[in-house]
Protein backbone atom coordinates (compact mmCIF):
# COMPACT_ATOMS: atom_id res chain seq x y z
CA MET A 1 -0.84 19.96 15.33
CA LYS A 2 1.63 17.09 15.87
CA THR A 3 1.24 13.93 13.83
CA LEU A 4 2.86 10.57 14.55
CA VAL A 5 3.54 8.45 11.46
CA TRP A 6 4.12 4.69 11.60
CA VAL A 7 7.27 3.85 9.63
CA GLU A 8 6.88 0.66 7.66
CA HIS A 9 10.26 -0.89 6.90
CA GLU A 10 11.72 -4.10 5.57
CA GLY A 11 15.29 -5.33 5.27
CA GLY A 12 16.59 -2.18 6.93
CA ALA A 13 14.94 0.17 4.42
CA VAL A 14 11.95 2.50 4.74
CA LYS A 15 9.15 1.37 2.40
CA ASP A 16 7.65 3.70 -0.20
CA ALA A 17 4.22 3.56 1.45
CA THR A 18 5.68 5.42 4.44
CA LEU A 19 6.83 8.29 2.23
CA ALA A 20 3.27 8.86 1.00
CA ALA A 21 2.03 8.80 4.59
CA VAL A 22 4.61 11.45 5.51
CA THR A 23 3.32 13.69 2.71
CA ALA A 24 -0.23 13.33 4.03
CA ALA A 25 0.86 13.98 7.60
CA SER A 26 2.79 17.11 6.58
CA GLN A 27 -0.52 18.64 5.51
CA LEU A 28 -1.73 18.35 9.10
CA GLY A 29 1.27 20.02 10.75
CA GLU A 30 4.47 18.91 12.45
CA VAL A 31 5.57 15.40 11.46
CA HIS A 32 7.09 12.90 13.90
CA LEU A 33 7.89 9.31 12.97
CA LEU A 34 7.78 6.06 14.92
CA VAL A 35 10.33 3.40 14.04
CA ALA A 36 9.67 0.17 15.93
CA GLY A 37 11.40 -3.17 15.63
CA GLU A 38 14.56 -5.01 16.60
CA GLY A 39 17.94 -3.67 15.48
CA VAL A 40 16.37 -0.67 13.74
CA GLY A 41 19.05 1.95 14.35
CA GLY A 42 19.85 2.19 10.63
CA VAL A 43 16.16 2.53 9.76
CA ALA A 44 15.84 5.39 12.27
CA GLU A 45 18.80 7.22 10.73
CA ALA A 46 17.29 6.84 7.25
CA ALA A 47 13.90 7.99 8.52
CA ALA A 48 15.43 11.12 10.05
CA LYS A 49 16.65 12.15 6.58
CA ILE A 50 13.15 12.13 5.06
CA ALA A 51 12.15 15.63 4.00
CA GLY A 52 9.79 17.37 6.40
CA VAL A 53 10.41 15.15 9.43
CA GLY A 54 10.96 16.89 12.76
CA LYS A 55 11.58 13.98 15.13
CA VAL A 56 11.99 10.20 14.98
CA HIS A 57 10.90 8.09 17.96
CA VAL A 58 12.77 4.77 18.04
CA ALA A 59 11.59 1.73 19.97
CA ASP A 60 14.14 -1.07 19.66
CA ASP A 61 12.98 -4.25 21.34
CA ALA A 62 12.61 -7.96 20.55
CA SER A 63 8.85 -7.74 21.23
CA LEU A 64 8.51 -5.38 18.25
CA ALA A 65 10.53 -7.46 15.78
CA HIS A 66 7.52 -8.57 13.74
CA ALA A 67 5.25 -5.53 14.24
CA LEU A 68 2.56 -7.51 16.03
CA PRO A 69 -0.25 -4.99 16.58
CA GLU A 70 -0.89 -6.24 20.11
CA ASN A 71 2.64 -5.11 21.02
CA VAL A 72 2.86 -2.00 18.85
CA ALA A 73 -0.51 -0.41 19.70
CA PRO A 74 0.18 0.24 23.42
CA LEU A 75 3.42 1.96 22.44
CA VAL A 76 1.57 4.19 19.96
CA VAL A 77 -1.12 5.01 22.53
CA ASP A 78 1.54 6.15 25.02
CA LEU A 79 3.11 8.44 22.39
CA MET A 80 -0.31 9.83 21.44
CA ALA A 81 -0.37 11.70 24.75
CA ASN A 82 1.86 14.26 22.98
CA HIS A 83 0.43 13.93 19.46
CA ASP A 84 -2.85 14.91 17.87
CA ALA A 85 -3.01 12.32 15.07
CA PHE A 86 -1.65 8.89 14.23
CA VAL A 87 -1.09 8.19 10.53
CA ALA A 88 -0.25 4.81 9.00
CA PRO A 89 -0.02 3.63 5.39
CA ALA A 90 -3.08 1.65 4.27
CA THR A 91 -0.99 -1.49 3.88
CA THR A 92 -1.47 -4.91 5.45
CA THR A 93 0.64 -3.89 8.46
CA GLY A 94 -0.82 -0.39 8.75
CA LYS A 95 -4.37 -1.71 8.58
CA ASN A 96 -3.46 -4.24 11.26
CA ILE A 97 -2.14 -1.68 13.74
CA ALA A 98 -4.40 1.38 13.25
CA PRO A 99 -7.75 -0.19 14.28
CA ARG A 100 -6.28 -1.43 17.56
CA VAL A 101 -4.84 2.03 18.25
CA ALA A 102 -8.23 3.61 17.51
CA ALA A 103 -9.97 1.15 19.83
CA LEU A 104 -7.54 1.81 22.69
CA LEU A 105 -7.97 5.57 22.21
CA ASP A 106 -11.76 5.13 21.89
CA VAL A 107 -11.95 7.13 18.65
CA MET A 108 -13.26 6.46 15.14
CA GLN A 109 -10.66 5.48 12.56
CA ILE A 110 -10.59 7.40 9.26
CA SER A 111 -9.59 4.84 6.65
CA ASP A 112 -7.86 5.00 3.29
CA ILE A 113 -7.86 8.79 2.86
CA LEU A 114 -7.31 10.35 -0.56
CA SER A 115 -6.75 13.94 0.54
CA VAL A 116 -6.48 16.21 3.55
CA GLU A 117 -9.04 19.02 3.37
CA SER A 118 -8.32 20.48 6.81
CA GLU A 119 -7.13 19.36 10.23
CA ASP A 120 -10.39 17.48 10.80
CA SER A 121 -11.74 16.84 7.27
CA PHE A 122 -10.61 14.24 4.75
CA THR A 123 -11.80 12.54 1.57
CA ARG A 124 -11.99 8.78 1.19
CA PRO A 125 -13.45 6.37 -1.38
CA ILE A 126 -16.75 4.56 -0.83
CA TYR A 127 -18.68 2.07 -2.95
CA ALA A 128 -15.47 0.59 -4.38
CA GLY A 129 -14.27 4.03 -5.39
CA ASN A 130 -17.39 4.99 -7.34
CA ALA A 131 -18.04 7.84 -4.94
CA ILE A 132 -15.75 10.03 -2.83
CA ALA A 133 -16.95 10.94 0.65
CA THR A 134 -15.76 13.96 2.61
CA VAL A 135 -15.67 13.05 6.30
CA GLN A 136 -15.20 15.30 9.30
CA SER A 137 -13.98 14.01 12.64
CA SER A 138 -14.75 15.63 15.98
CA ASP A 139 -12.46 13.25 17.91
CA ALA A 140 -9.68 14.93 19.85
CA LYS A 141 -7.20 12.34 18.57
CA LYS A 142 -7.25 11.27 14.92
CA VAL A 143 -6.31 7.78 13.69
CA ILE A 144 -5.84 7.75 9.92
CA THR A 145 -4.72 5.32 7.24
CA VAL A 146 -3.44 6.74 3.94
CA ARG A 147 -3.89 5.37 0.43
CA GLY A 148 -0.33 5.51 -0.87
CA THR A 149 -1.28 6.06 -4.51
CA ALA A 150 -3.16 9.28 -3.67
CA PHE A 151 -0.16 11.22 -2.32
CA ASP A 152 3.27 12.03 -3.72
CA ARG A 153 6.16 10.38 -1.92
CA ALA A 154 8.23 12.57 0.37
CA ALA A 155 11.89 12.85 -0.61
CA ARG A 156 14.17 10.35 1.13
CA GLU A 157 16.86 13.00 1.53
CA GLY A 158 16.78 16.58 2.73
CA GLY A 159 15.44 16.19 6.26
CA SER A 160 17.33 16.61 9.51
CA GLY A 161 15.06 15.13 12.14
CA THR A 162 16.28 14.39 15.65
CA VAL A 163 16.29 10.77 16.88
CA GLU A 164 14.85 9.98 20.29
CA ALA A 165 14.73 6.55 21.95
CA VAL A 166 11.46 5.48 23.56
CA SER A 167 10.74 2.45 25.73
CA ALA A 168 8.78 -0.48 24.35
CA LYS A 169 5.86 -1.82 26.36
CA GLY A 170 7.12 -5.41 26.13
CA ASP A 171 5.32 -8.53 24.96
CA SER A 172 1.59 -8.37 25.62
CA GLY A 173 1.30 -12.14 25.49
CA LEU A 174 -1.82 -11.83 23.32
CA SER A 175 -0.20 -13.10 20.13
CA GLY A 176 3.03 -14.57 18.88
CA PHE A 177 4.96 -14.80 15.64
CA VAL A 178 5.03 -18.33 14.22
CA SER A 179 6.59 -18.10 10.76
CA ALA A 180 6.59 -16.18 7.50
CA GLU A 181 6.77 -17.52 3.97
CA ILE A 182 7.95 -14.62 1.82
CA ALA A 183 7.90 -14.98 -1.94
CA GLN A 184 11.17 -13.89 -3.52
CA SER A 185 11.05 -12.17 -6.90
CA GLU A 186 13.42 -10.11 -9.01
CA ARG A 187 10.45 -8.20 -10.37
CA PRO A 188 9.39 -4.91 -8.77
CA GLU A 189 6.86 -5.02 -5.94
CA LEU A 190 3.37 -4.14 -7.19
CA THR A 191 2.78 -1.00 -5.14
CA SER A 192 6.06 0.55 -6.34
CA ALA A 193 6.22 -0.83 -9.91
CA LYS A 194 6.13 1.69 -12.77
CA ILE A 195 4.67 -0.91 -15.14
CA ILE A 196 2.28 -3.72 -14.19
CA VAL A 197 1.06 -6.57 -16.36
CA SER A 198 -2.06 -8.25 -14.93
CA GLY A 199 -3.90 -11.36 -15.98
CA GLY A 200 -7.41 -12.64 -15.40
CA ARG A 201 -9.33 -15.89 -15.35
CA ALA A 202 -9.31 -16.03 -19.17
CA PHE A 203 -5.81 -17.54 -19.06
CA GLY A 204 -7.42 -20.82 -18.08
CA SER A 205 -4.65 -22.32 -15.95
CA ASN A 206 -1.67 -21.57 -13.75
CA GLU A 207 0.67 -22.86 -16.47
CA GLN A 208 -0.80 -20.60 -19.17
CA PHE A 209 -0.84 -17.61 -16.84
CA HIS A 210 2.87 -17.77 -16.15
CA ALA A 211 3.94 -19.04 -19.58
CA LEU A 212 2.34 -16.03 -21.28
CA LEU A 213 2.60 -13.24 -18.69
CA ASP A 214 6.07 -13.80 -17.25
CA PRO A 215 7.98 -13.34 -20.54
CA LEU A 216 5.99 -10.17 -21.29
CA ALA A 217 6.66 -8.80 -17.80
CA ASP A 218 10.37 -9.59 -18.16
CA LYS A 219 10.54 -7.68 -21.45
CA LEU A 220 8.80 -4.66 -19.90
CA LYS A 221 10.63 -4.98 -16.54
CA ALA A 222 7.15 -4.97 -15.04
CA GLY A 223 5.48 -6.30 -11.93
CA VAL A 224 2.94 -9.10 -12.37
CA GLY A 225 -0.59 -8.71 -11.04
CA ALA A 226 -3.81 -10.67 -11.20
CA SER A 227 -7.54 -10.27 -10.79
CA ARG A 228 -9.26 -11.84 -7.81
CA ALA A 229 -10.85 -14.41 -10.13
CA ALA A 230 -7.39 -15.51 -11.29
CA VAL A 231 -6.12 -15.71 -7.71
CA ASP A 232 -9.19 -17.64 -6.53
CA ALA A 233 -8.72 -20.06 -9.43
CA GLY A 234 -5.15 -20.72 -8.28
CA TYR A 235 -3.40 -19.14 -11.27
CA ALA A 236 -1.47 -16.68 -9.10
CA PRO A 237 -0.59 -16.22 -5.39
CA ASN A 238 -2.52 -13.84 -3.13
CA ASP A 239 0.18 -11.16 -3.18
CA TYR A 240 -0.42 -10.71 -6.93
CA GLN A 241 -4.03 -9.60 -6.42
CA VAL A 242 -4.97 -6.11 -7.54
CA GLY A 243 -8.33 -4.68 -6.52
CA GLN A 244 -10.59 -3.65 -3.70
CA THR A 245 -9.62 -6.69 -1.61
CA GLY A 246 -6.05 -6.76 -2.95
CA LYS A 247 -3.44 -4.11 -3.63
CA ILE A 248 -4.19 -0.57 -4.73
CA VAL A 249 -1.77 0.44 -7.48
CA ALA A 250 -1.20 3.46 -9.70
CA PRO A 251 1.70 2.68 -12.07
CA GLU A 252 2.71 4.64 -15.15
CA VAL A 253 1.33 1.80 -17.32
CA TYR A 254 -1.17 -0.90 -16.35
CA VAL A 255 -1.74 -3.71 -18.85
CA ALA A 256 -4.92 -5.72 -18.13
CA ILE A 257 -5.05 -8.96 -20.10
CA GLY A 258 -8.10 -11.22 -20.02
CA ILE A 259 -9.63 -9.10 -17.25
CA SER A 260 -13.28 -8.12 -17.71
CA GLY A 261 -13.04 -5.08 -15.46
CA ALA A 262 -15.32 -5.84 -12.52
CA ILE A 263 -15.87 -2.86 -10.25
CA GLN A 264 -13.77 -4.45 -7.50
CA HIS A 265 -10.78 -4.75 -9.81
CA LEU A 266 -11.16 -1.23 -11.21
CA ALA A 267 -11.09 0.13 -7.65
CA GLY A 268 -7.51 -1.09 -7.36
CA MET A 269 -6.02 0.23 -10.61
CA LYS A 270 -8.12 2.96 -12.19
CA ASP A 271 -5.71 5.69 -11.03
CA SER A 272 -3.00 4.25 -13.32
CA LYS A 273 -1.59 6.86 -15.71
CA VAL A 274 -2.12 4.74 -18.85
CA ILE A 275 -4.38 1.67 -18.95
CA VAL A 276 -4.00 -0.88 -21.73
CA ALA A 277 -6.71 -3.57 -22.07
CA ILE A 278 -6.60 -6.79 -24.09
CA ASN A 279 -9.84 -8.77 -24.13
CA LYS A 280 -11.81 -10.78 -26.68
CA ASP A 281 -15.10 -9.29 -25.43
CA GLU A 282 -15.49 -5.85 -26.97
CA ASP A 283 -18.21 -5.02 -24.43
CA ALA A 284 -16.02 -5.78 -21.40
CA PRO A 285 -16.24 -2.99 -18.77
CA ILE A 286 -12.43 -2.66 -18.76
CA PHE A 287 -12.60 -0.86 -22.12
CA GLN A 288 -14.57 1.98 -20.49
CA VAL A 289 -11.53 3.01 -18.46
CA ALA A 290 -8.80 1.90 -20.89
CA ASP A 291 -6.70 4.46 -22.74
CA ILE A 292 -5.72 1.79 -25.27
CA GLY A 293 -7.91 -1.21 -26.03
CA LEU A 294 -7.26 -4.24 -28.18
CA VAL A 295 -10.04 -6.73 -28.92
CA GLY A 296 -8.74 -10.20 -29.67
CA ASP A 297 -7.55 -13.58 -28.47
CA LEU A 298 -4.94 -13.12 -25.75
CA PHE A 299 -3.36 -16.50 -26.61
CA LYS A 300 -2.36 -15.03 -29.99
CA ILE A 301 -1.83 -11.39 -29.06
CA VAL A 302 0.37 -11.81 -25.95
CA PRO A 303 3.04 -14.04 -27.58
CA GLU A 304 3.13 -11.74 -30.63
CA LEU A 305 3.44 -8.66 -28.44
CA THR A 306 6.21 -10.26 -26.38
CA GLN A 307 8.09 -11.25 -29.54
CA LYS A 308 7.96 -7.74 -31.00
CA LEU A 309 9.10 -5.93 -27.87
């Protein structure tokens, strides 16, 4: 069985989410990668070194510069003539491309898988992660997105894949790139951070959120996250959101401050190795999943904790 994996990259580097997708794909059989973009020769060379990779298909064209799914999907469909499955990380970009590929192939997409049971059977979360479904696909071609926190990352070194150029399909004319506003931060990105400090609506304002959380995150060298309630209230930007409709994370330590623990939030962080909860409500649902819980006023506890670190 040959599997084609979408390589997500940024700034000339392969993103961690791709490495987890490679691990999942390796459980299906032979792994081939697709590197698409403009000026991506260096990315292709790095991708060829990933452990377990047999071949890297490279499509270098201006129409692929921003990974618009309308331009990428026809390329993937062409390559699927010689592959049995298409695997993409369950990231914003991966979830943008995979459904269009599935539609063009006229197959059902298998989303957000947690494990590979066999060549046609997979597990995936349902009901915000409260139940795990085992699904079996009878489609000849599989289109799969992979939850990055559920699989170990493949090693970046150790592979010796061959690099093969493929032709892009050109600009479909269905969409165009307008602009991107990318937040710059010295803190680690949430999906790859080993420690995450998250805040909820209890902080009361954008000023309080950052005045209390940022110093703590700096001391811990942690990423900063937020609940959907905090994001909706304007305390934090959208890319901070952790949860069912945000980012799925599984750091070594997750510190939830002023977060009640709604089921949608738990779906995004309950696989964390150690969960620390700080909340004034001792009956808050977050304490049911927390390894360490502290009941108290966050406005007193957080500054004291930051000072003692």
